Amino acid sequence: MFSFYLGNKAVPQSVLNTGGRACFFLVTAGTKMLKCFPVVLAVFLAWGLCAIFTAYDVLAPGSAARTDTKGDLLQRTPWFYVPYPGQWGWPRVTAAGVVSMLGASVASIMESIGDYHACARISGESLALLPTRALAYKNGILE
């Protein structure tokens, strides 16, 4: 909803601007925050509504939408966690995984070649006239 209907609306935001001088000015600038962060804003909005409903006891005790049921969750969460190899067990290689990754790689190669042609068309160059066409394809495929 944010990005689709309100994506082109600028949200006023106060920022400090030097304006090329040594002193700062408080300027109100418009940013398209609703287009850039629709998911984060939707999560904050939903959590805020749940907090209001919890404060006014609209939600039943024990409801999953209440914000006070797991209040110690942030205190119990390990904020700094160092991952180590093999923590989920040994890696498994299956035929389905190999075939799907092979298909994804081929699709990526084809898309890269199409991107080269699109960029050449936009810039007005012809790929047939470029001496490094094969080199460009090779770098795009192997890197």
C-alpha atoms as a PDB file:
ATOM      1  CA  MET A   1       0.000   0.000   0.000  1.00  0.00           C
ATOM      2  CA  PHE A   2       2.803   2.427   0.900  1.00  0.00           C
ATOM      3  CA  SER A   3       4.851   2.023  -2.259  1.00  0.00           C
ATOM      4  CA  PHE A   4       1.921   1.555  -4.649  1.00  0.00           C
ATOM      5  CA  TYR A   5      -0.457   4.341  -3.618  1.00  0.00           C
ATOM      6  CA  LEU A   6       1.796   6.706  -1.663  1.00  0.00           C
ATOM      7  CA  GLY A   7       5.160   6.030  -3.319  1.00  0.00           C
ATOM      8  CA  ASN A   8       5.424   9.389  -5.084  1.00  0.00           C
ATOM      9  CA  LYS A   9       4.403  11.473  -2.051  1.00  0.00           C
ATOM     10  CA  ALA A  10       7.278  13.269  -0.334  1.00  0.00           C
ATOM     11  CA  VAL A  11       7.320  12.998   3.449  1.00  0.00           C
ATOM     12  CA  PRO A  12       8.581  16.208   5.130  1.00  0.00           C
ATOM     13  CA  GLN A  13      11.734  15.621   7.111  1.00  0.00           C
ATOM     14  CA  SER A  14      13.919  18.089   9.011  1.00  0.00           C
ATOM     15  CA  VAL A  15      17.618  17.937   8.150  1.00  0.00           C
ATOM     16  CA  LEU A  16      20.645  20.055   8.964  1.00  0.00           C
ATOM     17  CA  ASN A  17      22.198  21.768   5.970  1.00  0.00           C
ATOM     18  CA  THR A  18      25.381  23.819   5.894  1.00  0.00           C
ATOM     19  CA  GLY A  19      24.482  25.539   2.638  1.00  0.00           C
ATOM     20  CA  GLY A  20      28.187  25.947   1.904  1.00  0.00           C
ATOM     21  CA  ARG A  21      28.701  28.012   5.064  1.00  0.00           C
ATOM     22  CA  ALA A  22      30.191  27.273   8.449  1.00  0.00           C
ATOM     23  CA  CYS A  23      26.855  27.475  10.286  1.00  0.00           C
ATOM     24  CA  PHE A  24      23.999  24.974  10.113  1.00  0.00           C
ATOM     25  CA  PHE A  25      20.444  25.660   8.991  1.00  0.00           C
ATOM     26  CA  LEU A  26      17.426  23.530   9.797  1.00  0.00           C
ATOM     27  CA  VAL A  27      15.780  22.782   6.467  1.00  0.00           C
ATOM     28  CA  THR A  28      12.621  20.804   5.785  1.00  0.00           C
ATOM     29  CA  ALA A  29      13.243  18.460   2.884  1.00  0.00           C
ATOM     30  CA  GLY A  30      10.894  15.980   1.317  1.00  0.00           C
ATOM     31  CA  THR A  31      12.008  12.358   0.967  1.00  0.00           C
ATOM     32  CA  LYS A  32      10.204   9.486  -0.693  1.00  0.00           C
ATOM     33  CA  MET A  33      10.405   7.349   2.426  1.00  0.00           C
ATOM     34  CA  LEU A  34       7.166   5.513   1.646  1.00  0.00           C
ATOM     35  CA  LYS A  35       8.662   4.239  -1.604  1.00  0.00           C
ATOM     36  CA  CYS A  36      12.027   3.246  -0.144  1.00  0.00           C
ATOM     37  CA  PHE A  37      10.967   1.482   3.061  1.00  0.00           C
ATOM     38  CA  PRO A  38       7.439   0.067   2.615  1.00  0.00           C
ATOM     39  CA  VAL A  39       8.034  -3.213   4.459  1.00  0.00           C
ATOM     40  CA  VAL A  40       9.808  -1.652   7.445  1.00  0.00           C
ATOM     41  CA  LEU A  41       7.120   1.010   7.772  1.00  0.00           C
ATOM     42  CA  ALA A  42       4.366  -1.608   7.563  1.00  0.00           C
ATOM     43  CA  VAL A  43       6.019  -3.628  10.363  1.00  0.00           C
ATOM     44  CA  PHE A  44       6.350  -0.519  12.545  1.00  0.00           C
ATOM     45  CA  LEU A  45       2.734   0.449  11.867  1.00  0.00           C
ATOM     46  CA  ALA A  46       1.441  -3.050  12.703  1.00  0.00           C
ATOM     47  CA  TRP A  47       3.540  -3.248  15.868  1.00  0.00           C
ATOM     48  CA  GLY A  48       2.374   0.226  16.907  1.00  0.00           C
ATOM     49  CA  LEU A  49      -1.278  -0.734  16.473  1.00  0.00           C
ATOM     50  CA  CYS A  50      -0.714  -3.915  18.478  1.00  0.00           C
ATOM     51  CA  ALA A  51       0.963  -1.857  21.234  1.00  0.00           C
ATOM     52  CA  ILE A  52      -2.007   0.523  21.367  1.00  0.00           C
ATOM     53  CA  PHE A  53      -4.476  -2.396  21.434  1.00  0.00           C
ATOM     54  CA  THR A  54      -2.435  -4.019  24.218  1.00  0.00           C
ATOM     55  CA  ALA A  55      -2.367  -0.800  26.268  1.00  0.00           C
ATOM     56  CA  TYR A  56      -6.164  -0.457  26.076  1.00  0.00           C
ATOM     57  CA  ASP A  57      -6.783  -4.220  26.640  1.00  0.00           C
ATOM     58  CA  VAL A  58      -8.551  -4.648  23.323  1.00  0.00           C
ATOM     59  CA  LEU A  59      -6.685  -7.916  22.741  1.00  0.00           C
ATOM     60  CA  ALA A  60      -7.398 -10.912  24.943  1.00  0.00           C
ATOM     61  CA  PRO A  61      -4.679 -11.993  27.409  1.00  0.00           C
ATOM     62  CA  GLY A  62      -2.453 -14.620  25.826  1.00  0.00           C
ATOM     63  CA  SER A  63      -3.164 -13.382  22.305  1.00  0.00           C
ATOM     64  CA  ALA A  64      -0.280 -13.675  19.842  1.00  0.00           C
ATOM     65  CA  ALA A  65      -0.779 -10.023  18.838  1.00  0.00           C
ATOM     66  CA  ARG A  66      -0.133  -8.650  22.333  1.00  0.00           C
ATOM     67  CA  THR A  67       3.173  -6.840  22.727  1.00  0.00           C
ATOM     68  CA  ASP A  68       3.644  -7.662  26.417  1.00  0.00           C
ATOM     69  CA  THR A  69       3.646 -11.466  26.231  1.00  0.00           C
ATOM     70  CA  LYS A  70       7.356 -11.838  25.449  1.00  0.00           C
ATOM     71  CA  GLY A  71       8.799  -8.750  27.104  1.00  0.00           C
ATOM     72  CA  ASP A  72      12.060 -10.434  28.075  1.00  0.00           C
ATOM     73  CA  LEU A  73      12.743 -11.644  24.537  1.00  0.00           C
ATOM     74  CA  LEU A  74      15.166  -8.789  23.807  1.00  0.00           C
ATOM     75  CA  GLN A  75      17.065  -9.467  27.020  1.00  0.00           C
ATOM     76  CA  ARG A  76      17.414 -13.203  26.246  1.00  0.00           C
ATOM     77  CA  THR A  77      18.536 -12.686  22.638  1.00  0.00           C
ATOM     78  CA  PRO A  78      22.262 -13.142  21.981  1.00  0.00           C
ATOM     79  CA  TRP A  79      23.147  -9.956  20.076  1.00  0.00           C
ATOM     80  CA  PHE A  80      26.634 -11.020  19.097  1.00  0.00           C
ATOM     81  CA  TYR A  81      26.704 -14.494  17.630  1.00  0.00           C
ATOM     82  CA  VAL A  82      29.730 -15.919  15.868  1.00  0.00           C
ATOM     83  CA  PRO A  83      28.715 -18.529  13.299  1.00  0.00           C
ATOM     84  CA  TYR A  84      30.879 -21.587  12.945  1.00  0.00           C
ATOM     85  CA  PRO A  85      31.191 -24.095  10.087  1.00  0.00           C
ATOM     86  CA  GLY A  86      28.925 -27.100  10.229  1.00  0.00           C
ATOM     87  CA  GLN A  87      26.496 -25.706  12.792  1.00  0.00           C
ATOM     88  CA  TRP A  88      23.540 -27.076  10.814  1.00  0.00           C
ATOM     89  CA  GLY A  89      25.210 -30.411  10.080  1.00  0.00           C
ATOM     90  CA  TRP A  90      27.136 -31.703   7.108  1.00  0.00           C
ATOM     91  CA  PRO A  91      26.339 -30.174   3.714  1.00  0.00           C
ATOM     92  CA  ARG A  92      24.210 -32.384   1.488  1.00  0.00           C
ATOM     93  CA  VAL A  93      24.428 -32.440  -2.279  1.00  0.00           C
ATOM     94  CA  THR A  94      21.324 -33.717  -4.057  1.00  0.00           C
ATOM     95  CA  ALA A  95      20.493 -34.086  -7.734  1.00  0.00           C
ATOM     96  CA  ALA A  96      17.609 -31.625  -7.381  1.00  0.00           C
ATOM     97  CA  GLY A  97      19.925 -29.009  -5.905  1.00  0.00           C
ATOM     98  CA  VAL A  98      22.564 -29.475  -8.596  1.00  0.00           C
ATOM     99  CA  VAL A  99      20.038 -29.283 -11.454  1.00  0.00           C
ATOM    100  CA  SER A 100      18.319 -26.212 -10.011  1.00  0.00           C
ATOM    101  CA  MET A 101      21.631 -24.361  -9.503  1.00  0.00           C
ATOM    102  CA  LEU A 102      22.723 -25.308 -13.009  1.00  0.00           C
ATOM    103  CA  GLY A 103      19.470 -23.910 -14.400  1.00  0.00           C
ATOM    104  CA  ALA A 104      19.890 -20.706 -12.378  1.00  0.00           C
ATOM    105  CA  SER A 105      23.455 -20.312 -13.659  1.00  0.00           C
ATOM    106  CA  VAL A 106      22.411 -20.757 -17.292  1.00  0.00           C
ATOM    107  CA  ALA A 107      19.586 -18.253 -16.824  1.00  0.00           C
ATOM    108  CA  SER A 108      22.022 -15.751 -15.306  1.00  0.00           C
ATOM    109  CA  ILE A 109      24.447 -16.211 -18.223  1.00  0.00           C
ATOM    110  CA  MET A 110      21.671 -15.646 -20.766  1.00  0.00           C
ATOM    111  CA  GLU A 111      20.479 -12.555 -18.915  1.00  0.00           C
ATOM    112  CA  SER A 112      24.013 -11.122 -18.813  1.00  0.00           C
ATOM    113  CA  ILE A 113      24.404 -11.576 -22.565  1.00  0.00           C
ATOM    114  CA  GLY A 114      21.054  -9.847 -23.084  1.00  0.00           C
ATOM    115  CA  ASP A 115      22.207  -7.004 -20.826  1.00  0.00           C
ATOM    116  CA  TYR A 116      25.313  -6.525 -22.984  1.00  0.00           C
ATOM    117  CA  HIS A 117      23.159  -6.198 -26.082  1.00  0.00           C
ATOM    118  CA  ALA A 118      20.735  -3.821 -24.346  1.00  0.00           C
ATOM    119  CA  CYS A 119      23.574  -1.580 -23.109  1.00  0.00           C
ATOM    120  CA  ALA A 120      25.145  -1.571 -26.577  1.00  0.00           C
ATOM    121  CA  ARG A 121      21.822  -0.596 -28.147  1.00  0.00           C
ATOM    122  CA  ILE A 122      21.251   2.187 -25.606  1.00  0.00           C
ATOM    123  CA  SER A 123      24.758   3.587 -26.076  1.00  0.00           C
ATOM    124  CA  GLY A 124      24.512   3.409 -29.854  1.00  0.00           C
ATOM    125  CA  GLU A 125      27.401   0.950 -30.227  1.00  0.00           C
ATOM    126  CA  SER A 126      27.244  -2.273 -32.145  1.00  0.00           C
ATOM    127  CA  LEU A 127      28.596  -5.374 -30.445  1.00  0.00           C
ATOM    128  CA  ALA A 128      29.717  -6.722 -33.802  1.00  0.00           C
ATOM    129  CA  LEU A 129      32.088  -3.764 -34.236  1.00  0.00           C
ATOM    130  CA  LEU A 130      33.679  -4.045 -30.809  1.00  0.00           C
ATOM    131  CA  PRO A 131      36.987  -5.949 -30.885  1.00  0.00           C
ATOM    132  CA  THR A 132      36.590  -7.270 -27.333  1.00  0.00           C
ATOM    133  CA  ARG A 133      33.116  -8.801 -27.726  1.00  0.00           C
ATOM    134  CA  ALA A 134      34.263 -12.322 -26.889  1.00  0.00           C
ATOM    135  CA  LEU A 135      36.296 -11.019 -23.961  1.00  0.00           C
ATOM    136  CA  ALA A 136      33.265  -9.144 -22.599  1.00  0.00           C
ATOM    137  CA  TYR A 137      31.109 -12.262 -22.850  1.00  0.00           C
ATOM    138  CA  LYS A 138      33.774 -14.371 -21.183  1.00  0.00           C
ATOM    139  CA  ASN A 139      34.204 -11.894 -18.298  1.00  0.00           C
ATOM    140  CA  GLY A 140      30.463 -11.664 -17.779  1.00  0.00           C
ATOM    141  CA  ILE A 141      30.052 -15.431 -17.727  1.00  0.00           C
ATOM    142  CA  LEU A 142      33.062 -16.412 -15.642  1.00  0.00           C
ATOM    143  CA  GLU A 143      33.017 -13.596 -13.055  1.00  0.00           C
END
